[in-house]
């Protein structure tokens, strides 16, 4: 480990940061896809994609760190630059869906920007797609790790992939684990827990309310 990174980690663990006051963000060190950020008086070594106190690190390099603030706005901070203002936290994206005649929840969405249909399935560990649908969506899976998966009726070959972006309504989740099942089954993509774990789900009569946690 590089000495400067070791010192930074020790400082984080020791908690020797003086209070900066509410609503303050400061960048103290920059790395490739990482930044040492002081948020409301607390040091955090954030990696790209991390969310702390509603502040998400979108990108970082020697030129600066780009963050998304709780109000949904974005700003790029240079080394030792401080933001000092009050933030109004944006409402988390929500989506209300209704059960069909069979009591199932179907919803429109997209994978990597291409439209598809989902069936909400809390019993599925991952998002599951047929290889036919993966081909239509342009998902490269043939060189991905391969295994066998037991479906309701048979054991079929499957590829393990990571989807860059999955979206339903205004809810967007990046880097979602999925499996691609060889053939035409499932006919509708299963929206499993690798996506749903990022949401709060509440049943309200025939409706299901989905709310993004972060």
Protein backbone atom coordinates (compact mmCIF):
# COMPACT_ATOMS: atom_id res chain seq x y z
CA UNK A 1 0.00 0.00 0.00
CA UNK A 2 1.31 3.46 -0.88
CA UNK A 3 2.42 5.52 2.17
CA UNK A 4 0.04 8.41 1.46
CA UNK A 5 -2.92 6.03 1.23
CA UNK A 6 -1.86 4.36 4.50
CA UNK A 7 -1.77 7.74 6.24
CA UNK A 8 -5.20 8.62 4.88
CA UNK A 9 -6.73 5.35 6.11
CA UNK A 10 -5.17 5.83 9.55
CA UNK A 11 -6.66 9.29 9.75
CA UNK A 12 -10.07 7.93 8.87
CA UNK A 13 -9.86 5.22 11.51
CA UNK A 14 -8.59 7.57 14.19
CA UNK A 15 -11.48 10.01 13.68
CA UNK A 16 -9.26 13.05 14.19
CA UNK A 17 -11.29 15.35 12.01
CA UNK A 18 -12.43 18.64 13.48
CA UNK A 19 -16.04 19.55 12.93
CA UNK A 20 -16.67 21.59 9.80
CA UNK A 21 -20.35 22.22 10.43
CA UNK A 22 -23.46 21.01 8.65
CA UNK A 23 -23.76 21.36 4.90
CA UNK A 24 -20.01 21.37 4.17
CA UNK A 25 -18.14 19.17 1.72
CA UNK A 26 -14.42 19.35 1.07
CA UNK A 27 -12.09 17.28 -1.13
CA UNK A 28 -8.74 16.67 0.60
CA UNK A 29 -7.13 14.10 -1.74
CA UNK A 30 -7.77 12.78 -5.23
CA UNK A 31 -7.01 9.40 -6.79
CA UNK A 32 -8.17 7.42 -9.79
CA UNK A 33 -11.88 6.68 -9.08
CA UNK A 34 -11.38 7.58 -5.38
CA UNK A 35 -11.41 10.73 -3.31
CA UNK A 36 -10.83 11.63 0.32
CA UNK A 37 -13.88 13.74 1.14
CA UNK A 38 -14.84 15.53 4.36
CA UNK A 39 -18.63 15.56 4.72
CA UNK A 40 -20.08 17.48 7.65
CA UNK A 41 -16.87 17.13 9.63
CA UNK A 42 -16.20 13.43 8.93
CA UNK A 43 -13.50 12.07 6.62
CA UNK A 44 -14.46 9.37 4.13
CA UNK A 45 -12.36 7.61 1.52
CA UNK A 46 -15.00 7.24 -1.17
CA UNK A 47 -14.85 5.08 -4.27
CA UNK A 48 -16.75 5.91 -7.44
CA UNK A 49 -20.40 4.99 -6.84
CA UNK A 50 -20.27 5.32 -3.03
CA UNK A 51 -23.10 7.25 -1.35
CA UNK A 52 -22.59 8.92 2.05
CA UNK A 53 -25.17 11.24 3.66
CA UNK A 54 -26.96 11.44 0.32
CA UNK A 55 -23.80 12.53 -1.54
CA UNK A 56 -22.67 10.21 -4.35
CA UNK A 57 -19.18 10.19 -5.86
CA UNK A 58 -19.75 9.99 -9.62
CA UNK A 59 -16.13 10.29 -10.80
CA UNK A 60 -12.68 11.16 -9.49
CA UNK A 61 -9.25 11.80 -10.97
CA UNK A 62 -6.32 14.11 -10.40
CA UNK A 63 -8.38 16.87 -12.02
CA UNK A 64 -11.23 16.79 -9.52
CA UNK A 65 -14.11 14.86 -7.99
CA UNK A 66 -17.64 15.00 -9.39
CA UNK A 67 -20.40 14.49 -6.81
CA UNK A 68 -24.16 14.33 -6.93
CA UNK A 69 -25.69 16.29 -4.06
CA UNK A 70 -28.83 15.30 -2.11
CA UNK A 71 -30.88 17.82 -4.10
CA UNK A 72 -29.98 15.98 -7.33
CA UNK A 73 -27.53 18.57 -8.64
CA UNK A 74 -23.97 17.74 -9.66
CA UNK A 75 -20.76 19.61 -8.97
CA UNK A 76 -17.08 19.02 -9.65
CA UNK A 77 -14.75 19.95 -6.79
CA UNK A 78 -11.05 20.61 -7.17
CA UNK A 79 -8.48 19.65 -4.54
CA UNK A 80 -9.15 21.47 -1.22
CA UNK A 81 -12.31 23.07 -2.63
CA UNK A 82 -15.21 23.33 -0.16
CA UNK A 83 -18.95 23.54 -0.75
CA UNK A 84 -20.74 25.25 2.11
CA UNK A 85 -24.50 25.53 1.78
CA UNK A 86 -27.72 23.93 2.94
CA UNK A 87 -29.01 20.98 0.95
CA UNK A 88 -32.62 19.97 0.50
CA UNK A 89 -32.66 16.22 0.03
CA UNK A 90 -34.39 15.08 -3.12
CA UNK A 91 -37.26 12.65 -2.89
CA UNK A 92 -36.18 9.08 -3.64
CA UNK A 93 -37.60 7.81 -6.96
CA UNK A 94 -40.77 5.74 -6.47
CA UNK A 95 -42.91 3.59 -8.73
CA UNK A 96 -46.42 2.23 -8.13
CA UNK A 97 -47.37 -0.93 -10.03
CA UNK A 98 -50.53 -3.03 -9.98
CA UNK A 99 -51.06 -6.77 -10.05
CA UNK A 100 -52.46 -8.32 -13.22
CA UNK A 101 -55.37 -10.77 -13.34
CA UNK A 102 -53.02 -13.55 -12.22
CA UNK A 103 -51.77 -11.56 -9.23
CA UNK A 104 -48.37 -10.97 -10.85
CA UNK A 105 -46.59 -7.61 -11.11
CA UNK A 106 -45.46 -6.81 -14.66
CA UNK A 107 -43.69 -3.58 -15.51
CA UNK A 108 -41.90 -1.91 -18.39
CA UNK A 109 -38.24 -1.03 -18.03
CA UNK A 110 -34.92 -1.01 -19.80
CA UNK A 111 -31.51 -2.68 -19.69
CA UNK A 112 -28.55 -0.61 -20.83
CA UNK A 113 -30.98 1.87 -22.37
CA UNK A 114 -32.96 -0.71 -24.40
CA UNK A 115 -36.62 -1.35 -23.57
CA UNK A 116 -37.79 -4.66 -22.14
CA UNK A 117 -40.58 -6.06 -19.94
CA UNK A 118 -40.07 -7.41 -16.44
CA UNK A 119 -41.94 -9.70 -14.10
CA UNK A 120 -41.27 -8.83 -10.45
CA UNK A 121 -39.97 -11.99 -8.76
CA UNK A 122 -38.75 -11.78 -5.15
CA UNK A 123 -37.97 -15.50 -5.29
CA UNK A 124 -35.32 -15.01 -7.98
CA UNK A 125 -31.80 -14.34 -6.70
CA UNK A 126 -30.82 -12.46 -9.85
CA UNK A 127 -32.38 -10.77 -12.83
CA UNK A 128 -32.99 -13.64 -15.25
CA UNK A 129 -33.22 -13.30 -19.03
CA UNK A 130 -33.57 -15.78 -21.86
CA UNK A 131 -30.69 -15.85 -24.31
CA UNK A 132 -33.19 -14.86 -27.02
CA UNK A 133 -34.01 -11.66 -25.12
CA UNK A 134 -30.34 -11.03 -24.29
CA UNK A 135 -29.52 -11.26 -28.00
CA UNK A 136 -32.30 -8.78 -28.81
CA UNK A 137 -30.97 -6.37 -26.18
CA UNK A 138 -27.40 -6.68 -27.43
CA UNK A 139 -26.04 -8.12 -24.19
CA UNK A 140 -22.66 -9.81 -24.69
CA UNK A 141 -22.79 -12.99 -22.62
CA UNK A 142 -21.20 -15.78 -24.66
CA UNK A 143 -17.76 -15.34 -23.05
CA UNK A 144 -19.18 -14.90 -19.50
CA UNK A 145 -18.80 -17.61 -16.80
CA UNK A 146 -21.21 -20.48 -17.45
CA UNK A 147 -23.08 -22.81 -15.09
CA UNK A 148 -26.23 -24.95 -14.89
CA UNK A 149 -29.43 -23.60 -13.33
CA UNK A 150 -32.50 -25.55 -12.21
CA UNK A 151 -35.70 -24.00 -13.56
CA UNK A 152 -39.22 -25.11 -12.68
CA UNK A 153 -39.07 -27.89 -15.29
CA UNK A 154 -35.45 -28.61 -16.23
CA UNK A 155 -31.76 -27.89 -15.78
CA UNK A 156 -30.48 -25.42 -18.38
CA UNK A 157 -27.12 -23.78 -19.18
CA UNK A 158 -26.81 -20.19 -17.97
CA UNK A 159 -24.28 -17.39 -18.19
CA UNK A 160 -23.49 -15.06 -15.27
CA UNK A 161 -23.25 -11.41 -16.33
CA UNK A 162 -23.35 -7.92 -14.87
CA UNK A 163 -25.72 -5.41 -16.45
CA UNK A 164 -24.44 -1.84 -16.68
CA UNK A 165 -27.80 -0.19 -15.98
CA UNK A 166 -31.30 -1.40 -15.20
CA UNK A 167 -34.19 1.08 -15.08
CA UNK A 168 -37.88 0.87 -14.16
CA UNK A 169 -39.79 4.14 -14.02
CA UNK A 170 -37.39 6.72 -12.55
CA UNK A 171 -35.54 4.05 -10.54
CA UNK A 172 -32.08 3.35 -11.93
CA UNK A 173 -29.57 0.82 -10.56
CA UNK A 174 -26.09 0.27 -11.99
CA UNK A 175 -23.94 -2.87 -12.11
CA UNK A 176 -26.69 -5.43 -11.50
CA UNK A 177 -25.92 -9.16 -11.45
CA UNK A 178 -27.99 -11.27 -13.85
CA UNK A 179 -28.16 -14.72 -15.41
CA UNK A 180 -28.83 -15.49 -19.05
CA UNK A 181 -30.67 -18.79 -19.56
CA UNK A 182 -30.13 -20.61 -22.81
CA UNK A 183 -33.24 -20.63 -25.00
CA UNK A 184 -36.55 -18.76 -24.94
CA UNK A 185 -37.37 -19.13 -21.22
CA UNK A 186 -38.25 -17.03 -19.26
CA UNK A 187 -40.51 -15.40 -21.84
CA UNK A 188 -40.52 -12.25 -19.68
CA UNK A 189 -37.38 -11.12 -17.87
CA UNK A 190 -37.50 -11.81 -14.13
CA UNK A 191 -36.72 -8.78 -11.96
CA UNK A 192 -34.95 -10.55 -9.10
CA UNK A 193 -33.31 -9.60 -5.84
CA UNK A 194 -30.01 -8.43 -7.35
CA UNK A 195 -32.09 -5.39 -8.40
CA UNK A 196 -34.83 -5.39 -5.76
CA UNK A 197 -32.38 -5.35 -2.83
CA UNK A 198 -31.78 -1.69 -3.72
CA UNK A 199 -35.44 -0.85 -3.18
CA UNK A 200 -38.02 -0.60 -0.43
CA UNK A 201 -41.15 -2.55 -1.37
CA UNK A 202 -44.55 -1.98 0.21
CA UNK A 203 -47.77 -3.80 -0.70
CA UNK A 204 -50.88 -1.63 -0.70
CA UNK A 205 -53.92 -3.65 -1.79
CA UNK A 206 -53.51 -4.52 -5.46
CA UNK A 207 -50.59 -2.10 -5.73
CA UNK A 208 -46.91 -2.52 -5.00
CA UNK A 209 -44.93 0.62 -4.20
CA UNK A 210 -41.24 0.52 -5.07
CA UNK A 211 -38.90 3.17 -3.63
CA UNK A 212 -35.19 3.43 -4.32
CA UNK A 213 -33.16 3.34 -1.09
CA UNK A 214 -30.32 5.64 -2.20
